[in-house]
Amino acid sequence: MKINGDKLLIIGLIASILSIIIGYLLWDILIPIQDYNLSTKEQLLEAQKEAAINPTLGRFLLHFGFIGLAITAIGYIWM
């Protein structure tokens, strides 16, 4: 059974979008932060590490998803 290029690109596109969505949900802080303007960047990063579900895995999935999306877009242009 041969998989043609269109099906492979659609699978890559769906996998990339799902990776971006799941990565963002893992990386993002889903609770509101009070006094955002009074916080320094280091304090916000520390709050993100404490409040986010899994920020390192989320960041990896975001990067993986954006790279996969770029490769899929190049594949659509190439075909």
N, C-alpha and C. Protein backbone atom coordinates (compact mmCIF):
# COMPACT_ATOMS: atom_id res chain seq x y z
N MET A 1 0.84 -1.17 0.00
CA MET A 1 0.00 0.00 0.00
C MET A 1 0.88 1.24 0.00
N LYS A 2 0.69 2.06 -0.97
CA LYS A 2 1.51 3.25 -1.12
C LYS A 2 0.76 4.47 -0.59
N ILE A 3 1.45 5.26 0.23
CA ILE A 3 0.88 6.50 0.74
C ILE A 3 1.37 7.62 -0.15
N ASN A 4 0.43 8.33 -0.77
CA ASN A 4 0.85 9.42 -1.64
C ASN A 4 1.26 10.63 -0.82
N GLY A 5 1.87 11.60 -1.48
CA GLY A 5 2.41 12.77 -0.80
C GLY A 5 1.38 13.64 -0.13
N ASP A 6 0.18 13.73 -0.71
CA ASP A 6 -0.86 14.57 -0.13
C ASP A 6 -1.30 14.07 1.25
N LYS A 7 -1.49 12.76 1.36
CA LYS A 7 -1.88 12.21 2.65
C LYS A 7 -0.79 12.42 3.69
N LEU A 8 0.45 12.26 3.28
CA LEU A 8 1.57 12.46 4.20
C LEU A 8 1.66 13.90 4.67
N LEU A 9 1.41 14.85 3.77
CA LEU A 9 1.44 16.26 4.15
C LEU A 9 0.28 16.62 5.07
N ILE A 10 -0.89 16.04 4.84
CA ILE A 10 -2.04 16.29 5.71
C ILE A 10 -1.79 15.72 7.10
N ILE A 11 -1.21 14.53 7.18
CA ILE A 11 -0.87 13.94 8.47
C ILE A 11 0.16 14.81 9.20
N GLY A 12 1.16 15.30 8.47
CA GLY A 12 2.16 16.18 9.06
C GLY A 12 1.56 17.49 9.55
N LEU A 13 0.63 18.04 8.79
CA LEU A 13 -0.03 19.28 9.18
C LEU A 13 -0.87 19.09 10.45
N ILE A 14 -1.63 18.02 10.51
CA ILE A 14 -2.45 17.75 11.70
C ILE A 14 -1.57 17.49 12.92
N ALA A 15 -0.51 16.71 12.74
CA ALA A 15 0.39 16.43 13.86
C ALA A 15 1.08 17.70 14.35
N SER A 16 1.46 18.59 13.45
CA SER A 16 2.11 19.84 13.83
C SER A 16 1.16 20.75 14.60
N ILE A 17 -0.06 20.87 14.12
CA ILE A 17 -1.04 21.74 14.80
C ILE A 17 -1.38 21.18 16.18
N LEU A 18 -1.57 19.87 16.28
CA LEU A 18 -1.83 19.28 17.59
C LEU A 18 -0.66 19.46 18.54
N SER A 19 0.56 19.33 18.03
CA SER A 19 1.75 19.53 18.84
C SER A 19 1.84 20.96 19.35
N ILE A 20 1.50 21.92 18.51
CA ILE A 20 1.53 23.33 18.92
C ILE A 20 0.47 23.58 19.99
N ILE A 21 -0.72 23.07 19.82
CA ILE A 21 -1.80 23.30 20.79
C ILE A 21 -1.47 22.65 22.14
N ILE A 22 -1.04 21.40 22.12
CA ILE A 22 -0.72 20.70 23.37
C ILE A 22 0.49 21.35 24.03
N GLY A 23 1.49 21.72 23.24
CA GLY A 23 2.67 22.38 23.79
C GLY A 23 2.33 23.71 24.45
N TYR A 24 1.44 24.47 23.84
CA TYR A 24 1.05 25.75 24.42
C TYR A 24 0.31 25.56 25.74
N LEU A 25 -0.59 24.57 25.78
CA LEU A 25 -1.32 24.32 27.01
C LEU A 25 -0.41 23.85 28.14
N LEU A 26 0.64 23.10 27.82
CA LEU A 26 1.58 22.67 28.85
C LEU A 26 2.50 23.80 29.28
N TRP A 27 2.86 24.68 28.37
CA TRP A 27 3.82 25.74 28.64
C TRP A 27 3.19 26.95 29.31
N ASP A 28 1.96 27.25 29.00
CA ASP A 28 1.31 28.47 29.46
C ASP A 28 0.87 28.36 30.91
N ILE A 29 0.82 29.50 31.57
CA ILE A 29 0.25 29.59 32.91
C ILE A 29 -1.25 29.78 32.74
N LEU A 30 -2.03 28.86 33.24
CA LEU A 30 -3.47 28.90 33.03
C LEU A 30 -4.21 29.63 34.14
N ILE A 31 -3.47 30.15 35.11
CA ILE A 31 -4.10 30.96 36.17
C ILE A 31 -3.63 32.40 36.00
N PRO A 32 -4.46 33.37 36.32
CA PRO A 32 -4.05 34.77 36.16
C PRO A 32 -2.99 35.17 37.19
N ILE A 33 -2.08 36.04 36.77
CA ILE A 33 -1.05 36.56 37.66
C ILE A 33 -1.44 37.98 38.07
N GLN A 34 -1.40 38.23 39.35
CA GLN A 34 -1.74 39.56 39.86
C GLN A 34 -0.51 40.47 39.73
N ASP A 35 -0.73 41.73 39.51
CA ASP A 35 0.32 42.76 39.46
C ASP A 35 1.41 42.40 38.45
N TYR A 36 0.99 42.21 37.21
CA TYR A 36 1.93 41.84 36.15
C TYR A 36 3.00 42.91 35.94
N ASN A 37 2.63 44.18 36.05
CA ASN A 37 3.58 45.26 35.79
C ASN A 37 4.63 45.39 36.88
N LEU A 38 4.36 44.90 38.08
CA LEU A 38 5.30 45.03 39.18
C LEU A 38 6.31 43.89 39.21
N SER A 39 6.15 42.89 38.38
CA SER A 39 7.02 41.73 38.38
C SER A 39 8.18 41.91 37.41
N THR A 40 9.34 41.38 37.78
CA THR A 40 10.48 41.38 36.86
C THR A 40 10.40 40.14 35.99
N LYS A 41 11.25 40.09 34.98
CA LYS A 41 11.23 38.94 34.07
C LYS A 41 11.61 37.65 34.80
N GLU A 42 12.56 37.74 35.72
CA GLU A 42 12.98 36.55 36.47
C GLU A 42 11.85 36.04 37.36
N GLN A 43 11.10 36.96 37.97
CA GLN A 43 9.98 36.55 38.81
C GLN A 43 8.88 35.89 37.97
N LEU A 44 8.66 36.41 36.77
CA LEU A 44 7.64 35.81 35.90
C LEU A 44 8.07 34.43 35.43
N LEU A 45 9.35 34.24 35.11
CA LEU A 45 9.83 32.92 34.71
C LEU A 45 9.72 31.92 35.86
N GLU A 46 10.03 32.38 37.06
CA GLU A 46 9.90 31.50 38.23
C GLU A 46 8.44 31.14 38.49
N ALA A 47 7.54 32.12 38.32
CA ALA A 47 6.11 31.84 38.49
C ALA A 47 5.62 30.87 37.42
N GLN A 48 6.15 31.00 36.22
CA GLN A 48 5.75 30.08 35.16
C GLN A 48 6.22 28.67 35.47
N LYS A 49 7.44 28.52 35.99
CA LYS A 49 7.93 27.19 36.32
C LYS A 49 7.10 26.56 37.43
N GLU A 50 6.60 27.38 38.36
CA GLU A 50 5.80 26.85 39.46
C GLU A 50 4.36 26.56 39.04
N ALA A 51 3.78 27.42 38.20
CA ALA A 51 2.35 27.32 37.91
C ALA A 51 2.03 26.52 36.65
N ALA A 52 2.94 26.45 35.70
CA ALA A 52 2.66 25.73 34.46
C ALA A 52 2.67 24.22 34.72
N ILE A 53 2.00 23.50 33.87
CA ILE A 53 1.89 22.05 34.04
C ILE A 53 3.26 21.39 33.81
N ASN A 54 3.86 21.64 32.67
CA ASN A 54 5.18 21.11 32.35
C ASN A 54 5.83 22.04 31.32
N PRO A 55 6.51 23.11 31.75
CA PRO A 55 6.99 24.11 30.80
C PRO A 55 8.09 23.61 29.86
N THR A 56 8.94 22.68 30.32
CA THR A 56 10.01 22.22 29.43
C THR A 56 9.46 21.36 28.30
N LEU A 57 8.54 20.45 28.61
CA LEU A 57 7.92 19.63 27.57
C LEU A 57 7.07 20.50 26.64
N GLY A 58 6.38 21.47 27.22
CA GLY A 58 5.57 22.37 26.41
C GLY A 58 6.41 23.17 25.43
N ARG A 59 7.56 23.68 25.90
CA ARG A 59 8.45 24.44 25.02
C ARG A 59 8.99 23.54 23.89
N PHE A 60 9.34 22.30 24.25
CA PHE A 60 9.82 21.37 23.23
C PHE A 60 8.74 21.08 22.18
N LEU A 61 7.51 20.84 22.63
CA LEU A 61 6.42 20.56 21.69
C LEU A 61 6.10 21.77 20.82
N LEU A 62 6.20 22.98 21.39
CA LEU A 62 5.99 24.19 20.58
C LEU A 62 7.03 24.29 19.48
N HIS A 63 8.30 24.12 19.84
CA HIS A 63 9.36 24.19 18.83
C HIS A 63 9.21 23.08 17.79
N PHE A 64 8.93 21.87 18.25
CA PHE A 64 8.74 20.74 17.35
C PHE A 64 7.57 20.98 16.41
N GLY A 65 6.48 21.54 16.92
CA GLY A 65 5.30 21.81 16.10
C GLY A 65 5.55 22.89 15.06
N PHE A 66 6.25 23.96 15.46
CA PHE A 66 6.54 25.03 14.50
C PHE A 66 7.51 24.56 13.41
N ILE A 67 8.49 23.75 13.79
CA ILE A 67 9.42 23.20 12.78
C ILE A 67 8.66 22.26 11.84
N GLY A 68 7.81 21.41 12.39
CA GLY A 68 7.01 20.52 11.55
C GLY A 68 6.06 21.28 10.64
N LEU A 69 5.50 22.38 11.14
CA LEU A 69 4.61 23.21 10.32
C LEU A 69 5.38 23.86 9.18
N ALA A 70 6.61 24.31 9.46
CA ALA A 70 7.44 24.91 8.40
C ALA A 70 7.80 23.86 7.35
N ILE A 71 8.17 22.68 7.80
CA ILE A 71 8.51 21.62 6.84
C ILE A 71 7.30 21.22 6.01
N THR A 72 6.14 21.15 6.63
CA THR A 72 4.92 20.82 5.90
C THR A 72 4.57 21.92 4.88
N ALA A 73 4.74 23.18 5.28
CA ALA A 73 4.47 24.28 4.35
C ALA A 73 5.43 24.24 3.17
N ILE A 74 6.70 23.95 3.42
CA ILE A 74 7.66 23.82 2.33
C ILE A 74 7.28 22.65 1.42
N GLY A 75 6.80 21.57 2.03
CA GLY A 75 6.35 20.41 1.24
C GLY A 75 5.16 20.74 0.36
N TYR A 76 4.22 21.54 0.87
CA TYR A 76 3.08 21.97 0.04
C TYR A 76 3.54 22.85 -1.12
N ILE A 77 4.48 23.73 -0.85
CA ILE A 77 4.99 24.59 -1.92
C ILE A 77 5.76 23.78 -2.95
N TRP A 78 6.52 22.82 -2.49
CA TRP A 78 7.37 22.02 -3.36
C TRP A 78 6.53 21.13 -4.29
N MET A 79 5.42 20.60 -3.78
CA MET A 79 4.61 19.68 -4.59
C MET A 79 3.72 20.46 -5.45
